[in-house]
Amino acid sequence: PPFAVYTAISDGPKYMMYPREPTPCVFGFRSGVKGIVINSLYDGATPYINAKTMREGMSSTALVTWQGIGHCVVSATYDTEGVEKCLRKVITYFETRGATLPIDGFTCRNSKQIASSRGKSTAT
């Protein structure tokens, strides 16, 4: 087994690569890329600032903000009504094959209050 591991590490990459010269990926701003960047306002895994930065790099996209907590909008099971209104914007975009882009900066609001662990309201 140690020899097999050594062989895989030293010779493996040449067998896994395409028989072409590597081409660097394009990095930077994209104009003309039409799409939606959607993010939760309070997402610990992908902070909101990252969504704003991504949106800045693609001038033809729309940033849709879910005013909720947690990673992934659809996982916000505490407010299914609010999530449905938010996802309706995305679904409409796909159903119209990109013809109906949400307003850039659209904010999906919670449909009910979220109580903190101390019982105080944290959102409306």
Protein backbone atom coordinates (compact mmCIF):
# COMPACT_ATOMS: atom_id res chain seq x y z
CA PRO A 1 0.00 0.00 0.00
CA PRO A 2 2.69 2.65 0.70
CA PHE A 3 4.13 2.15 -2.79
CA ALA A 4 0.66 2.45 -4.32
CA VAL A 5 0.08 5.72 -2.46
CA TYR A 6 3.46 7.05 -3.62
CA THR A 7 2.68 6.06 -7.22
CA ALA A 8 -0.75 7.69 -7.09
CA ILE A 9 0.71 10.92 -5.73
CA SER A 10 3.65 11.10 -8.14
CA ASP A 11 2.09 9.70 -11.34
CA GLY A 12 -1.64 10.16 -10.73
CA PRO A 13 -1.99 13.78 -11.91
CA LYS A 14 -0.59 13.04 -15.36
CA TYR A 15 -3.30 10.43 -15.87
CA MET A 16 -6.08 12.66 -14.57
CA MET A 17 -5.37 15.67 -16.77
CA TYR A 18 -6.68 16.37 -20.23
CA PRO A 19 -4.04 16.17 -22.95
CA ARG A 20 -4.00 19.97 -23.30
CA GLU A 21 -2.14 22.89 -21.88
CA PRO A 22 -3.87 24.23 -18.78
CA THR A 23 -5.87 27.38 -19.29
CA PRO A 24 -6.33 29.73 -16.35
CA CYS A 25 -9.88 30.45 -15.35
CA VAL A 26 -11.30 33.90 -15.94
CA PHE A 27 -11.29 36.01 -12.81
CA GLY A 28 -12.82 39.41 -12.37
CA PHE A 29 -15.86 41.31 -13.43
CA ARG A 30 -18.41 39.89 -15.85
CA SER A 31 -20.74 42.06 -17.88
CA GLY A 32 -23.69 40.53 -19.65
CA VAL A 33 -24.06 37.59 -17.26
CA LYS A 34 -27.73 37.68 -16.34
CA GLY A 35 -28.73 35.91 -13.17
CA ILE A 36 -29.70 36.08 -9.53
CA VAL A 37 -27.47 36.21 -6.47
CA ILE A 38 -29.56 35.27 -3.45
CA ASN A 39 -28.35 35.24 0.14
CA SER A 40 -29.65 35.29 3.69
CA LEU A 41 -28.87 38.45 5.60
CA TYR A 42 -27.71 36.45 8.63
CA ASP A 43 -25.89 33.48 7.10
CA GLY A 44 -22.90 32.31 9.11
CA ALA A 45 -21.60 30.03 6.33
CA THR A 46 -21.71 32.54 3.47
CA PRO A 47 -21.69 36.06 4.89
CA TYR A 48 -23.85 38.69 3.21
CA ILE A 49 -20.83 40.78 2.25
CA ASN A 50 -19.74 37.94 -0.05
CA ALA A 51 -23.07 38.10 -1.92
CA LYS A 52 -22.67 41.85 -2.34
CA THR A 53 -19.15 41.39 -3.65
CA MET A 54 -20.31 38.72 -6.09
CA ARG A 55 -23.12 40.98 -7.31
CA GLU A 56 -20.68 43.85 -7.86
CA GLY A 57 -18.67 41.59 -10.17
CA MET A 58 -21.64 40.80 -12.39
CA SER A 59 -23.35 44.00 -13.44
CA SER A 60 -26.35 42.35 -15.14
CA THR A 61 -27.39 40.26 -12.14
CA ALA A 62 -29.88 41.03 -9.38
CA LEU A 63 -29.14 40.68 -5.67
CA VAL A 64 -32.09 39.22 -3.75
CA THR A 65 -31.77 39.33 0.04
CA TRP A 66 -33.66 37.04 2.39
CA GLN A 67 -34.08 38.92 5.67
CA GLY A 68 -33.64 35.71 7.57
CA ILE A 69 -31.29 33.59 9.57
CA GLY A 70 -29.29 30.57 8.49
CA HIS A 71 -27.59 29.04 5.51
CA CYS A 72 -29.73 28.62 2.37
CA VAL A 73 -33.01 30.46 2.02
CA VAL A 74 -35.06 27.32 1.53
CA SER A 75 -33.84 25.90 4.85
CA ALA A 76 -35.62 28.64 6.83
CA THR A 77 -38.38 26.35 8.05
CA TYR A 78 -39.36 28.85 10.74
CA ASP A 79 -41.03 31.08 8.11
CA THR A 80 -42.29 29.05 5.16
CA GLU A 81 -44.63 31.85 4.01
CA GLY A 82 -41.79 34.38 3.85
CA VAL A 83 -39.49 31.90 2.10
CA GLU A 84 -42.18 31.10 -0.48
CA LYS A 85 -42.54 34.79 -1.38
CA CYS A 86 -38.77 35.05 -1.76
CA LEU A 87 -38.40 31.90 -3.85
CA ARG A 88 -41.29 33.01 -6.06
CA LYS A 89 -38.92 35.66 -7.50
CA VAL A 90 -36.37 32.98 -8.37
CA ILE A 91 -38.98 30.58 -9.76
CA THR A 92 -40.43 33.34 -11.97
CA TYR A 93 -36.95 34.04 -13.30
CA PHE A 94 -36.52 30.39 -14.31
CA GLU A 95 -40.08 29.97 -15.64
CA THR A 96 -39.59 32.98 -17.94
CA ARG A 97 -36.17 31.66 -19.02
CA GLY A 98 -34.42 34.70 -17.59
CA ALA A 99 -36.76 37.30 -19.06
CA THR A 100 -38.09 38.41 -15.65
CA LEU A 101 -35.20 39.36 -13.43
CA PRO A 102 -36.12 40.57 -9.93
CA ILE A 103 -35.41 44.19 -9.04
CA ASP A 104 -31.77 44.47 -8.02
CA GLY A 105 -31.66 44.89 -4.25
CA PHE A 106 -35.04 43.24 -3.64
CA THR A 107 -35.44 42.23 0.01
CA CYS A 108 -37.66 39.33 1.01
CA ARG A 109 -39.03 40.17 4.43
CA ASN A 110 -39.99 37.77 7.19
CA SER A 111 -43.73 37.18 7.34
CA LYS A 112 -43.68 36.85 11.13
CA GLN A 113 -41.57 37.86 14.08
CA ILE A 114 -38.62 35.76 15.10
CA ALA A 115 -38.17 35.44 18.85
CA SER A 116 -34.71 35.26 20.37
CA SER A 117 -33.81 32.77 23.07
CA ARG A 118 -34.56 35.48 25.62
CA GLY A 119 -38.05 35.96 24.24
CA LYS A 120 -37.41 39.36 22.67
CA SER A 121 -38.29 39.98 19.06
CA THR A 122 -35.28 40.04 16.71
CA ALA A 123 -37.09 40.76 13.45
CA THR A 124 -40.44 41.93 12.15
